Amino acid sequence: GKGQSFPSRHGFSAFTIATCWFAASAPVAVALLVAAAALGACRVLGGV
C-alpha cells in the first residue's frame, strides 16, 4: 500500500491495548508498553 502513514495504526493499536491493560494488571501493561515500543521501532527500521 501507499499513503495513510500518519498516525501509525500499528502504534496506535499497540499502545491502546497496552494502556488498557492497566485496568487488569499493571505488570502486564508495562510489559506490553515495552513491546509496543519495540513494534514501533520495527515499523521505523522496516521503512514503513
ModelCIF file with pLDDT and N, C-alpha, C, O atoms, coordinates in Angstrom:
data_MODEL
#
_entry.id   MODEL 
#
_entity.id                         1 
_entity.type                       polymer 
_entity.pdbx_number_of_molecules   1 
#
_entity_poly.entity_id                      1 
_entity_poly.type                           'polypeptide(L)' 
_entity_poly.nstd_linkage                   no 
_entity_poly.nstd_monomer                   no 
_entity_poly.pdbx_seq_one_letter_code       GKGQSFPSRHGFSAFTIATCWFAASAPVAVALLVAAAALGACRVLGGV 
_entity_poly.pdbx_seq_one_letter_code_can   GKGQSFPSRHGFSAFTIATCWFAASAPVAVALLVAAAALGACRVLGGV 
_entity_poly.pdbx_strand_id                 A 
#
loop_
_entity_poly_seq.entity_id 
_entity_poly_seq.num 
_entity_poly_seq.mon_id 
_entity_poly_seq.hetero 
1 1  GLY n 
1 2  LYS n 
1 3  GLY n 
1 4  GLN n 
1 5  SER n 
1 6  PHE n 
1 7  PRO n 
1 8  SER n 
1 9  ARG n 
1 10 HIS n 
1 11 GLY n 
1 12 PHE n 
1 13 SER n 
1 14 ALA n 
1 15 PHE n 
1 16 THR n 
1 17 ILE n 
1 18 ALA n 
1 19 THR n 
1 20 CYS n 
1 21 TRP n 
1 22 PHE n 
1 23 ALA n 
1 24 ALA n 
1 25 SER n 
1 26 ALA n 
1 27 PRO n 
1 28 VAL n 
1 29 ALA n 
1 30 VAL n 
1 31 ALA n 
1 32 LEU n 
1 33 LEU n 
1 34 VAL n 
1 35 ALA n 
1 36 ALA n 
1 37 ALA n 
1 38 ALA n 
1 39 LEU n 
1 40 GLY n 
1 41 ALA n 
1 42 CYS n 
1 43 ARG n 
1 44 VAL n 
1 45 LEU n 
1 46 GLY n 
1 47 GLY n 
1 48 VAL n 
#
_struct_asym.id          A 
_struct_asym.entity_id   1 
#
loop_
_ma_qa_metric.id 
_ma_qa_metric.mode 
_ma_qa_metric.name 
_ma_qa_metric.software_group_id 
_ma_qa_metric.type 
1 global pLDDT . pLDDT 
2 local  pLDDT . pLDDT 
#
_ma_qa_metric_global.metric_id      1 
_ma_qa_metric_global.metric_value   96.29 
_ma_qa_metric_global.model_id       1 
_ma_qa_metric_global.ordinal_id     1 
#
loop_
_ma_qa_metric_local.label_asym_id 
_ma_qa_metric_local.label_comp_id 
_ma_qa_metric_local.label_seq_id 
_ma_qa_metric_local.metric_id 
_ma_qa_metric_local.metric_value 
_ma_qa_metric_local.model_id 
_ma_qa_metric_local.ordinal_id 
A GLY 1  2 83.00 1 1  
A LYS 2  2 89.00 1 2  
A GLY 3  2 92.00 1 3  
A GLN 4  2 93.00 1 4  
A SER 5  2 94.00 1 5  
A PHE 6  2 96.00 1 6  
A PRO 7  2 97.00 1 7  
A SER 8  2 97.00 1 8  
A ARG 9  2 96.00 1 9  
A HIS 10 2 96.00 1 10 
A GLY 11 2 98.00 1 11 
A PHE 12 2 98.00 1 12 
A SER 13 2 98.00 1 13 
A ALA 14 2 98.00 1 14 
A PHE 15 2 98.00 1 15 
A THR 16 2 98.00 1 16 
A ILE 17 2 98.00 1 17 
A ALA 18 2 98.00 1 18 
A THR 19 2 98.00 1 19 
A CYS 20 2 97.00 1 20 
A TRP 21 2 97.00 1 21 
A PHE 22 2 96.00 1 22 
A ALA 23 2 93.00 1 23 
A ALA 24 2 93.00 1 24 
A SER 25 2 94.00 1 25 
A ALA 26 2 97.00 1 26 
A PRO 27 2 98.00 1 27 
A VAL 28 2 98.00 1 28 
A ALA 29 2 98.00 1 29 
A VAL 30 2 98.00 1 30 
A ALA 31 2 98.00 1 31 
A LEU 32 2 98.00 1 32 
A LEU 33 2 98.00 1 33 
A VAL 34 2 98.00 1 34 
A ALA 35 2 98.00 1 35 
A ALA 36 2 98.00 1 36 
A ALA 37 2 98.00 1 37 
A ALA 38 2 98.00 1 38 
A LEU 39 2 98.00 1 39 
A GLY 40 2 98.00 1 40 
A ALA 41 2 97.00 1 41 
A CYS 42 2 97.00 1 42 
A ARG 43 2 97.00 1 43 
A VAL 44 2 97.00 1 44 
A LEU 45 2 95.00 1 45 
A GLY 46 2 95.00 1 46 
A GLY 47 2 95.00 1 47 
A VAL 48 2 95.00 1 48 
#
loop_
_atom_site.group_PDB 
_atom_site.id 
_atom_site.type_symbol 
_atom_site.label_atom_id 
_atom_site.label_alt_id 
_atom_site.label_comp_id 
_atom_site.label_asym_id 
_atom_site.label_entity_id 
_atom_site.label_seq_id 
_atom_site.pdbx_PDB_ins_code 
_atom_site.Cartn_x 
_atom_site.Cartn_y 
_atom_site.Cartn_z 
_atom_site.occupancy 
_atom_site.B_iso_or_equiv 
_atom_site.pdbx_formal_charge 
_atom_site.auth_seq_id 
_atom_site.auth_comp_id 
_atom_site.auth_asym_id 
_atom_site.auth_atom_id 
_atom_site.pdbx_PDB_model_num 
ATOM 1   N N  . GLY A 1 1  ? 0.792  -1.215 0.000  1.00 83.00 ? 1  GLY A N  1 
ATOM 2   C CA . GLY A 1 1  ? 0.000  0.000  0.000  1.00 83.00 ? 1  GLY A CA 1 
ATOM 3   C C  . GLY A 1 1  ? 0.827  1.269  0.000  1.00 83.00 ? 1  GLY A C  1 
ATOM 4   O O  . GLY A 1 1  ? 2.029  1.267  0.266  1.00 83.00 ? 1  GLY A O  1 
ATOM 5   N N  . LYS A 1 2  ? 0.141  2.339  -0.305 1.00 89.00 ? 2  LYS A N  1 
ATOM 6   C CA . LYS A 1 2  ? 0.780  3.651  -0.304 1.00 89.00 ? 2  LYS A CA 1 
ATOM 7   C C  . LYS A 1 2  ? -0.055 4.587  0.564  1.00 89.00 ? 2  LYS A C  1 
ATOM 8   O O  . LYS A 1 2  ? -1.252 4.383  0.763  1.00 89.00 ? 2  LYS A O  1 
ATOM 9   N N  . GLY A 1 3  ? 0.607  5.607  1.066  1.00 92.00 ? 3  GLY A N  1 
ATOM 10  C CA . GLY A 1 3  ? -0.078 6.637  1.845  1.00 92.00 ? 3  GLY A CA 1 
ATOM 11  C C  . GLY A 1 3  ? -0.593 6.134  3.178  1.00 92.00 ? 3  GLY A C  1 
ATOM 12  O O  . GLY A 1 3  ? -0.249 5.042  3.630  1.00 92.00 ? 3  GLY A O  1 
ATOM 13  N N  . GLN A 1 4  ? -1.432 6.959  3.798  1.00 93.00 ? 4  GLN A N  1 
ATOM 14  C CA . GLN A 1 4  ? -2.063 6.651  5.077  1.00 93.00 ? 4  GLN A CA 1 
ATOM 15  C C  . GLN A 1 4  ? -1.040 6.232  6.137  1.00 93.00 ? 4  GLN A C  1 
ATOM 16  O O  . GLN A 1 4  ? -1.236 5.255  6.860  1.00 93.00 ? 4  GLN A O  1 
ATOM 17  N N  . SER A 1 5  ? 0.031  6.977  6.211  1.00 94.00 ? 5  SER A N  1 
ATOM 18  C CA . SER A 1 5  ? 1.116  6.653  7.135  1.00 94.00 ? 5  SER A CA 1 
ATOM 19  C C  . SER A 1 5  ? 0.953  7.299  8.508  1.00 94.00 ? 5  SER A C  1 
ATOM 20  O O  . SER A 1 5  ? 1.444  6.771  9.506  1.00 94.00 ? 5  SER A O  1 
ATOM 21  N N  . PHE A 1 6  ? 0.268  8.432  8.561  1.00 96.00 ? 6  PHE A N  1 
ATOM 22  C CA . PHE A 1 6  ? 0.205  9.215  9.801  1.00 96.00 ? 6  PHE A CA 1 
ATOM 23  C C  . PHE A 1 6  ? -1.212 9.298  10.330 1.00 96.00 ? 6  PHE A C  1 
ATOM 24  O O  . PHE A 1 6  ? -2.128 9.661  9.592  1.00 96.00 ? 6  PHE A O  1 
ATOM 25  N N  . PRO A 1 7  ? -1.405 8.968  11.595 1.00 97.00 ? 7  PRO A N  1 
ATOM 26  C CA . PRO A 1 7  ? -0.505 8.310  12.531 1.00 97.00 ? 7  PRO A CA 1 
ATOM 27  C C  . PRO A 1 7  ? -0.471 6.801  12.283 1.00 97.00 ? 7  PRO A C  1 
ATOM 28  O O  . PRO A 1 7  ? -1.324 6.258  11.581 1.00 97.00 ? 7  PRO A O  1 
ATOM 29  N N  . SER A 1 8  ? 0.498  6.150  12.851 1.00 97.00 ? 8  SER A N  1 
ATOM 30  C CA . SER A 1 8  ? 0.631  4.702  12.693 1.00 97.00 ? 8  SER A CA 1 
ATOM 31  C C  . SER A 1 8  ? -0.504 3.990  13.416 1.00 97.00 ? 8  SER A C  1 
ATOM 32  O O  . SER A 1 8  ? -0.706 4.178  14.615 1.00 97.00 ? 8  SER A O  1 
ATOM 33  N N  . ARG A 1 9  ? -1.245 3.167  12.671 1.00 96.00 ? 9  ARG A N  1 
ATOM 34  C CA . ARG A 1 9  ? -2.309 2.379  13.312 1.00 96.00 ? 9  ARG A CA 1 
ATOM 35  C C  . ARG A 1 9  ? -1.720 1.234  14.128 1.00 96.00 ? 9  ARG A C  1 
ATOM 36  O O  . ARG A 1 9  ? -2.283 0.847  15.152 1.00 96.00 ? 9  ARG A O  1 
ATOM 37  N N  . HIS A 1 10 ? -0.580 0.686  13.676 1.00 96.00 ? 10 HIS A N  1 
ATOM 38  C CA . HIS A 1 10 ? 0.081  -0.335 14.486 1.00 96.00 ? 10 HIS A CA 1 
ATOM 39  C C  . HIS A 1 10 ? 0.460  0.268  15.843 1.00 96.00 ? 10 HIS A C  1 
ATOM 40  O O  . HIS A 1 10 ? 0.206  -0.324 16.892 1.00 96.00 ? 10 HIS A O  1 
ATOM 41  N N  . GLY A 1 11 ? 1.077  1.461  15.801 1.00 98.00 ? 11 GLY A N  1 
ATOM 42  C CA . GLY A 1 11 ? 1.465  2.127  17.040 1.00 98.00 ? 11 GLY A CA 1 
ATOM 43  C C  . GLY A 1 11 ? 0.255  2.475  17.889 1.00 98.00 ? 11 GLY A C  1 
ATOM 44  O O  . GLY A 1 11 ? 0.254  2.249  19.099 1.00 98.00 ? 11 GLY A O  1 
ATOM 45  N N  . PHE A 1 12 ? -0.762 3.018  17.265 1.00 98.00 ? 12 PHE A N  1 
ATOM 46  C CA . PHE A 1 12 ? -1.987 3.370  17.989 1.00 98.00 ? 12 PHE A CA 1 
ATOM 47  C C  . PHE A 1 12 ? -2.575 2.145  18.679 1.00 98.00 ? 12 PHE A C  1 
ATOM 48  O O  . PHE A 1 12 ? -2.864 2.177  19.875 1.00 98.00 ? 12 PHE A O  1 
ATOM 49  N N  . SER A 1 13 ? -2.749 1.077  17.930 1.00 98.00 ? 13 SER A N  1 
ATOM 50  C CA . SER A 1 13 ? -3.385 -0.124 18.478 1.00 98.00 ? 13 SER A CA 1 
ATOM 51  C C  . SER A 1 13 ? -2.559 -0.738 19.600 1.00 98.00 ? 13 SER A C  1 
ATOM 52  O O  . SER A 1 13 ? -3.096 -1.084 20.652 1.00 98.00 ? 13 SER A O  1 
ATOM 53  N N  . ALA A 1 14 ? -1.263 -0.873 19.379 1.00 98.00 ? 14 ALA A N  1 
ATOM 54  C CA . ALA A 1 14 ? -0.407 -1.493 20.389 1.00 98.00 ? 14 ALA A CA 1 
ATOM 55  C C  . ALA A 1 14 ? -0.403 -0.684 21.682 1.00 98.00 ? 14 ALA A C  1 
ATOM 56  O O  . ALA A 1 14 ? -0.536 -1.254 22.765 1.00 98.00 ? 14 ALA A O  1 
ATOM 57  N N  . PHE A 1 15 ? -0.254 0.623  21.585 1.00 98.00 ? 15 PHE A N  1 
ATOM 58  C CA . PHE A 1 15 ? -0.224 1.442  22.789 1.00 98.00 ? 15 PHE A CA 1 
ATOM 59  C C  . PHE A 1 15 ? -1.598 1.535  23.452 1.00 98.00 ? 15 PHE A C  1 
ATOM 60  O O  . PHE A 1 15 ? -1.681 1.652  24.674 1.00 98.00 ? 15 PHE A O  1 
ATOM 61  N N  . THR A 1 16 ? -2.670 1.486  22.670 1.00 98.00 ? 16 THR A N  1 
ATOM 62  C CA . THR A 1 16 ? -4.014 1.452  23.250 1.00 98.00 ? 16 THR A CA 1 
ATOM 63  C C  . THR A 1 16 ? -4.194 0.180  24.068 1.00 98.00 ? 16 THR A C  1 
ATOM 64  O O  . THR A 1 16 ? -4.611 0.236  25.225 1.00 98.00 ? 16 THR A O  1 
ATOM 65  N N  . ILE A 1 17 ? -3.883 -0.957 23.476 1.00 98.00 ? 17 ILE A N  1 
ATOM 66  C CA . ILE A 1 17 ? -4.046 -2.241 24.154 1.00 98.00 ? 17 ILE A CA 1 
ATOM 67  C C  . ILE A 1 17 ? -3.180 -2.298 25.411 1.00 98.00 ? 17 ILE A C  1 
ATOM 68  O O  . ILE A 1 17 ? -3.639 -2.718 26.473 1.00 98.00 ? 17 ILE A O  1 
ATOM 69  N N  . ALA A 1 18 ? -1.935 -1.874 25.281 1.00 98.00 ? 18 ALA A N  1 
ATOM 70  C CA . ALA A 1 18 ? -1.034 -1.888 26.440 1.00 98.00 ? 18 ALA A CA 1 
ATOM 71  C C  . ALA A 1 18 ? -1.592 -1.033 27.571 1.00 98.00 ? 18 ALA A C  1 
ATOM 72  O O  . ALA A 1 18 ? -1.595 -1.461 28.725 1.00 98.00 ? 18 ALA A O  1 
ATOM 73  N N  . THR A 1 19 ? -2.055 0.147  27.260 1.00 98.00 ? 19 THR A N  1 
ATOM 74  C CA . THR A 1 19 ? -2.572 1.053  28.293 1.00 98.00 ? 19 THR A CA 1 
ATOM 75  C C  . THR A 1 19 ? -3.866 0.525  28.888 1.00 98.00 ? 19 THR A C  1 
ATOM 76  O O  . THR A 1 19 ? -4.088 0.659  30.091 1.00 98.00 ? 19 THR A O  1 
ATOM 77  N N  . CYS A 1 20 ? -4.722 -0.070 28.073 1.00 97.00 ? 20 CYS A N  1 
ATOM 78  C CA . CYS A 1 20 ? -5.960 -0.656 28.584 1.00 97.00 ? 20 CYS A CA 1 
ATOM 79  C C  . CYS A 1 20 ? -5.686 -1.742 29.622 1.00 97.00 ? 20 CYS A C  1 
ATOM 80  O O  . CYS A 1 20 ? -6.496 -1.960 30.523 1.00 97.00 ? 20 CYS A O  1 
ATOM 81  N N  . TRP A 1 21 ? -4.559 -2.415 29.496 1.00 97.00 ? 21 TRP A N  1 
ATOM 82  C CA . TRP A 1 21 ? -4.226 -3.487 30.439 1.00 97.00 ? 21 TRP A CA 1 
ATOM 83  C C  . TRP A 1 21 ? -4.041 -2.971 31.867 1.00 97.00 ? 21 TRP A C  1 
ATOM 84  O O  . TRP A 1 21 ? -4.072 -3.764 32.808 1.00 97.00 ? 21 TRP A O  1 
ATOM 85  N N  . PHE A 1 22 ? -3.851 -1.670 32.050 1.00 96.00 ? 22 PHE A N  1 
ATOM 86  C CA . PHE A 1 22 ? -3.752 -1.146 33.417 1.00 96.00 ? 22 PHE A CA 1 
ATOM 87  C C  . PHE A 1 22 ? -5.045 -1.393 34.197 1.00 96.00 ? 22 PHE A C  1 
ATOM 88  O O  . PHE A 1 22 ? -5.030 -1.390 35.428 1.00 96.00 ? 22 PHE A O  1 
ATOM 89  N N  . ALA A 1 23 ? -6.157 -1.606 33.498 1.00 93.00 ? 23 ALA A N  1 
ATOM 90  C CA . ALA A 1 23 ? -7.424 -1.909 34.179 1.00 93.00 ? 23 ALA A CA 1 
ATOM 91  C C  . ALA A 1 23 ? -7.393 -3.282 34.831 1.00 93.00 ? 23 ALA A C  1 
ATOM 92  O O  . ALA A 1 23 ? -8.170 -3.543 35.749 1.00 93.00 ? 23 ALA A O  1 
ATOM 93  N N  . ALA A 1 24 ? -6.511 -4.164 34.376 1.00 93.00 ? 24 ALA A N  1 
ATOM 94  C CA . ALA A 1 24 ? -6.469 -5.533 34.882 1.00 93.00 ? 24 ALA A CA 1 
ATOM 95  C C  . ALA A 1 24 ? -5.159 -5.875 35.580 1.00 93.00 ? 24 ALA A C  1 
ATOM 96  O O  . ALA A 1 24 ? -5.169 -6.544 36.614 1.00 93.00 ? 24 ALA A O  1 
ATOM 97  N N  . SER A 1 25 ? -4.031 -5.427 35.032 1.00 94.00 ? 25 SER A N  1 
ATOM 98  C CA . SER A 1 25 ? -2.729 -5.807 35.591 1.00 94.00 ? 25 SER A CA 1 
ATOM 99  C C  . SER A 1 25 ? -1.654 -4.816 35.167 1.00 94.00 ? 25 SER A C  1 
ATOM 100 O O  . SER A 1 25 ? -1.301 -4.734 33.991 1.00 94.00 ? 25 SER A O  1 
ATOM 101 N N  . ALA A 1 26 ? -1.138 -4.070 36.129 1.00 97.00 ? 26 ALA A N  1 
ATOM 102 C CA . ALA A 1 26 ? -0.084 -3.097 35.828 1.00 97.00 ? 26 ALA A CA 1 
ATOM 103 C C  . ALA A 1 26 ? 1.191  -3.761 35.299 1.00 97.00 ? 26 ALA A C  1 
ATOM 104 O O  . ALA A 1 26 ? 1.783  -3.230 34.360 1.00 97.00 ? 26 ALA A O  1 
ATOM 105 N N  . PRO A 1 27 ? 1.646  -4.896 35.851 1.00 98.00 ? 27 PRO A N  1 
ATOM 106 C CA . PRO A 1 27 ? 2.857  -5.516 35.304 1.00 98.00 ? 27 PRO A CA 1 
ATOM 107 C C  . PRO A 1 27 ? 2.697  -5.942 33.836 1.00 98.00 ? 27 PRO A C  1 
ATOM 108 O O  . PRO A 1 27 ? 3.618  -5.778 33.035 1.00 98.00 ? 27 PRO A O  1 
ATOM 109 N N  . VAL A 1 28 ? 1.533  -6.485 33.495 1.00 98.00 ? 28 VAL A N  1 
ATOM 110 C CA . VAL A 1 28 ? 1.291  -6.866 32.092 1.00 98.00 ? 28 VAL A CA 1 
ATOM 111 C C  . VAL A 1 28 ? 1.264  -5.612 31.228 1.00 98.00 ? 28 VAL A C  1 
ATOM 112 O O  . VAL A 1 28 ? 1.812  -5.603 30.126 1.00 98.00 ? 28 VAL A O  1 
ATOM 113 N N  . ALA A 1 29 ? 0.635  -4.561 31.720 1.00 98.00 ? 29 ALA A N  1 
ATOM 114 C CA . ALA A 1 29 ? 0.555  -3.309 30.957 1.00 98.00 ? 29 ALA A CA 1 
ATOM 115 C C  . ALA A 1 29 ? 1.952  -2.755 30.670 1.00 98.00 ? 29 ALA A C  1 
ATOM 116 O O  . ALA A 1 29 ? 2.238  -2.329 29.551 1.00 98.00 ? 29 ALA A O  1 
ATOM 117 N N  . VAL A 1 30 ? 2.804  -2.763 31.668 1.00 98.00 ? 30 VAL A N  1 
ATOM 118 C CA . VAL A 1 30 ? 4.166  -2.239 31.485 1.00 98.00 ? 30 VAL A CA 1 
ATOM 119 C C  . VAL A 1 30 ? 4.932  -3.089 30.473 1.00 98.00 ? 30 VAL A C  1 
ATOM 120 O O  . VAL A 1 30 ? 5.621  -2.552 29.606 1.00 98.00 ? 30 VAL A O  1 
ATOM 121 N N  . ALA A 1 31 ? 4.813  -4.414 30.582 1.00 98.00 ? 31 ALA A N  1 
ATOM 122 C CA . ALA A 1 31 ? 5.476  -5.299 29.612 1.00 98.00 ? 31 ALA A CA 1 
ATOM 123 C C  . ALA A 1 31 ? 4.971  -5.033 28.198 1.00 98.00 ? 31 ALA A C  1 
ATOM 124 O O  . ALA A 1 31 ? 5.751  -5.026 27.246 1.00 98.00 ? 31 ALA A O  1 
ATOM 125 N N  . LEU A 1 32 ? 3.667  -4.813 28.065 1.00 98.00 ? 32 LEU A N  1 
ATOM 126 C CA . LEU A 1 32 ? 3.102  -4.543 26.744 1.00 98.00 ? 32 LEU A CA 1 
ATOM 127 C C  . LEU A 1 32 ? 3.515  -3.164 26.222 1.00 98.00 ? 32 LEU A C  1 
ATOM 128 O O  . LEU A 1 32 ? 3.655  -2.984 25.012 1.00 98.00 ? 32 LEU A O  1 
ATOM 129 N N  . LEU A 1 33 ? 3.710  -2.197 27.108 1.00 98.00 ? 33 LEU A N  1 
ATOM 130 C CA . LEU A 1 33 ? 4.207  -0.893 26.656 1.00 98.00 ? 33 LEU A CA 1 
ATOM 131 C C  . LEU A 1 33 ? 5.606  -1.034 26.057 1.00 98.00 ? 33 LEU A C  1 
ATOM 132 O O  . LEU A 1 33 ? 5.920  -0.403 25.048 1.00 98.00 ? 33 LEU A O  1 
ATOM 133 N N  . VAL A 1 34 ? 6.441  -1.861 26.681 1.00 98.00 ? 34 VAL A N  1 
ATOM 134 C CA . VAL A 1 34 ? 7.777  -2.120 26.133 1.00 98.00 ? 34 VAL A CA 1 
ATOM 135 C C  . VAL A 1 34 ? 7.657  -2.810 24.778 1.00 98.00 ? 34 VAL A C  1 
ATOM 136 O O  . VAL A 1 34 ? 8.371  -2.466 23.836 1.00 98.00 ? 34 VAL A O  1 
ATOM 137 N N  . ALA A 1 35 ? 6.755  -3.781 24.681 1.00 98.00 ? 35 ALA A N  1 
ATOM 138 C CA . ALA A 1 35 ? 6.535  -4.482 23.404 1.00 98.00 ? 35 ALA A CA 1 
ATOM 139 C C  . ALA A 1 35 ? 5.990  -3.529 22.343 1.00 98.00 ? 35 ALA A C  1 
ATOM 140 O O  . ALA A 1 35 ? 6.345  -3.644 21.170 1.00 98.00 ? 35 ALA A O  1 
ATOM 141 N N  . ALA A 1 36 ? 5.133  -2.592 22.740 1.00 98.00 ? 36 ALA A N  1 
ATOM 142 C CA . ALA A 1 36 ? 4.593  -1.609 21.795 1.00 98.00 ? 36 ALA A CA 1 
ATOM 143 C C  . ALA A 1 36 ? 5.706  -0.712 21.258 1.00 98.00 ? 36 ALA A C  1 
ATOM 144 O O  . ALA A 1 36 ? 5.733  -0.388 20.071 1.00 98.00 ? 36 ALA A O  1 
ATOM 145 N N  . ALA A 1 37 ? 6.618  -0.316 22.138 1.00 98.00 ? 37 ALA A N  1 
ATOM 146 C CA . ALA A 1 37 ? 7.767  0.489  21.692 1.00 98.00 ? 37 ALA A CA 1 
ATOM 147 C C  . ALA A 1 37 ? 8.636  -0.316 20.728 1.00 98.00 ? 37 ALA A C  1 
ATOM 148 O O  . ALA A 1 37 ? 9.139  0.226  19.744 1.00 98.00 ? 37 ALA A O  1 
ATOM 149 N N  . ALA A 1 38 ? 8.811  -1.607 21.009 1.00 98.00 ? 38 ALA A N  1 
ATOM 150 C CA . ALA A 1 38 ? 9.589  -2.464 20.108 1.00 98.00 ? 38 ALA A CA 1 
ATOM 151 C C  . ALA A 1 38 ? 8.900  -2.584 18.747 1.00 98.00 ? 38 ALA A C  1 
ATOM 152 O O  . ALA A 1 38 ? 9.563  -2.556 17.710 1.00 98.00 ? 38 ALA A O  1 
ATOM 153 N N  . LEU A 1 39 ? 7.578  -2.716 18.752 1.00 98.00 ? 39 LEU A N  1 
ATOM 154 C CA . LEU A 1 39 ? 6.847  -2.777 17.478 1.00 98.00 ? 39 LEU A CA 1 
ATOM 155 C C  . LEU A 1 39 ? 7.018  -1.466 16.716 1.00 98.00 ? 39 LEU A C  1 
ATOM 156 O O  . LEU A 1 39 ? 7.215  -1.480 15.501 1.00 98.00 ? 39 LEU A O  1 
ATOM 157 N N  . GLY A 1 40 ? 6.945  -0.349 17.408 1.00 98.00 ? 40 GLY A N  1 
ATOM 158 C CA . GLY A 1 40 ? 7.155  0.951  16.753 1.00 98.00 ? 40 GLY A CA 1 
ATOM 159 C C  . GLY A 1 40 ? 8.537  1.039  16.132 1.00 98.00 ? 40 GLY A C  1 
ATOM 160 O O  . GLY A 1 40 ? 8.692  1.541  15.019 1.00 98.00 ? 40 GLY A O  1 
ATOM 161 N N  . ALA A 1 41 ? 9.543  0.550  16.850 1.00 97.00 ? 41 ALA A N  1 
ATOM 162 C CA . ALA A 1 41 ? 10.910 0.549  16.319 1.00 97.00 ? 41 ALA A CA 1 
ATOM 163 C C  . ALA A 1 41 ? 10.998 -0.331 15.076 1.00 97.00 ? 41 ALA A C  1 
ATOM 164 O O  . ALA A 1 41 ? 11.669 0.024  14.106 1.00 97.00 ? 41 ALA A O  1 
ATOM 165 N N  . CYS A 1 42 ? 10.324 -1.472 15.105 1.00 97.00 ? 42 CYS A N  1 
ATOM 166 C CA . CYS A 1 42 ? 10.312 -2.358 13.924 1.00 97.00 ? 42 CYS A CA 1 
ATOM 167 C C  . CYS A 1 42 ? 9.723  -1.638 12.715 1.00 97.00 ? 42 CYS A C  1 
ATOM 168 O O  . CYS A 1 42 ? 10.243 -1.751 11.605 1.00 97.00 ? 42 CYS A O  1 
ATOM 169 N N  . ARG A 1 43 ? 8.651  -0.906 12.931 1.00 97.00 ? 43 ARG A N  1 
ATOM 170 C CA . ARG A 1 43 ? 7.977  -0.215 11.825 1.00 97.00 ? 43 ARG A CA 1 
ATOM 171 C C  . ARG A 1 43 ? 8.872  0.875  11.230 1.00 97.00 ? 43 ARG A C  1 
ATOM 172 O O  . ARG A 1 43 ? 8.884  1.077  10.016 1.00 97.00 ? 43 ARG A O  1 
ATOM 173 N N  . VAL A 1 44 ? 9.620  1.578  12.087 1.00 97.00 ? 44 VAL A N  1 
ATOM 174 C CA . VAL A 1 44 ? 10.534 2.620  11.598 1.00 97.00 ? 44 VAL A CA 1 
ATOM 175 C C  . VAL A 1 44 ? 11.741 1.976  10.921 1.00 97.00 ? 44 VAL A C  1 
ATOM 176 O O  . VAL A 1 44 ? 12.112 2.362  9.813  1.00 97.00 ? 44 VAL A O  1 
ATOM 177 N N  . LEU A 1 45 ? 12.354 0.992  11.587 1.00 95.00 ? 45 LEU A N  1 
ATOM 178 C CA . LEU A 1 45 ? 13.509 0.300  10.995 1.00 95.00 ? 45 LEU A CA 1 
ATOM 179 C C  . LEU A 1 45 ? 13.136 -0.416 9.700  1.00 95.00 ? 45 LEU A C  1 
ATOM 180 O O  . LEU A 1 45 ? 13.958 -0.571 8.797  1.00 95.00 ? 45 LEU A O  1 
ATOM 181 N N  . GLY A 1 46 ? 11.887 -0.845 9.632  1.00 95.00 ? 46 GLY A N  1 
ATOM 182 C CA . GLY A 1 46 ? 11.423 -1.518 8.422  1.00 95.00 ? 46 GLY A CA 1 
ATOM 183 C C  . GLY A 1 46 ? 11.170 -0.572 7.264  1.00 95.00 ? 46 GLY A C  1 
ATOM 184 O O  . GLY A 1 46 ? 11.009 -1.012 6.126  1.00 95.00 ? 46 GLY A O  1 
ATOM 185 N N  . GLY A 1 47 ? 11.135 0.728  7.545  1.00 95.00 ? 47 GLY A N  1 
ATOM 186 C CA . GLY A 1 47 ? 10.954 1.713  6.477  1.00 95.00 ? 47 GLY A CA 1 
ATOM 187 C C  . GLY A 1 47 ? 9.517  1.972  6.081  1.00 95.00 ? 47 GLY A C  1 
ATOM 188 O O  . GLY A 1 47 ? 9.269  2.584  5.042  1.00 95.00 ? 47 GLY A O  1 
ATOM 189 N N  . VAL A 1 48 ? 8.548  1.516  6.893  1.00 95.00 ? 48 VAL A N  1 
ATOM 190 C CA . VAL A 1 48 ? 7.144  1.728  6.541  1.00 95.00 ? 48 VAL A CA 1 
ATOM 191 C C  . VAL A 1 48 ? 6.505  2.888  7.297  1.00 95.00 ? 48 VAL A C  1 
ATOM 192 O O  . VAL A 1 48 ? 5.325  3.178  7.098  1.00 95.00 ? 48 VAL A O  1 
#
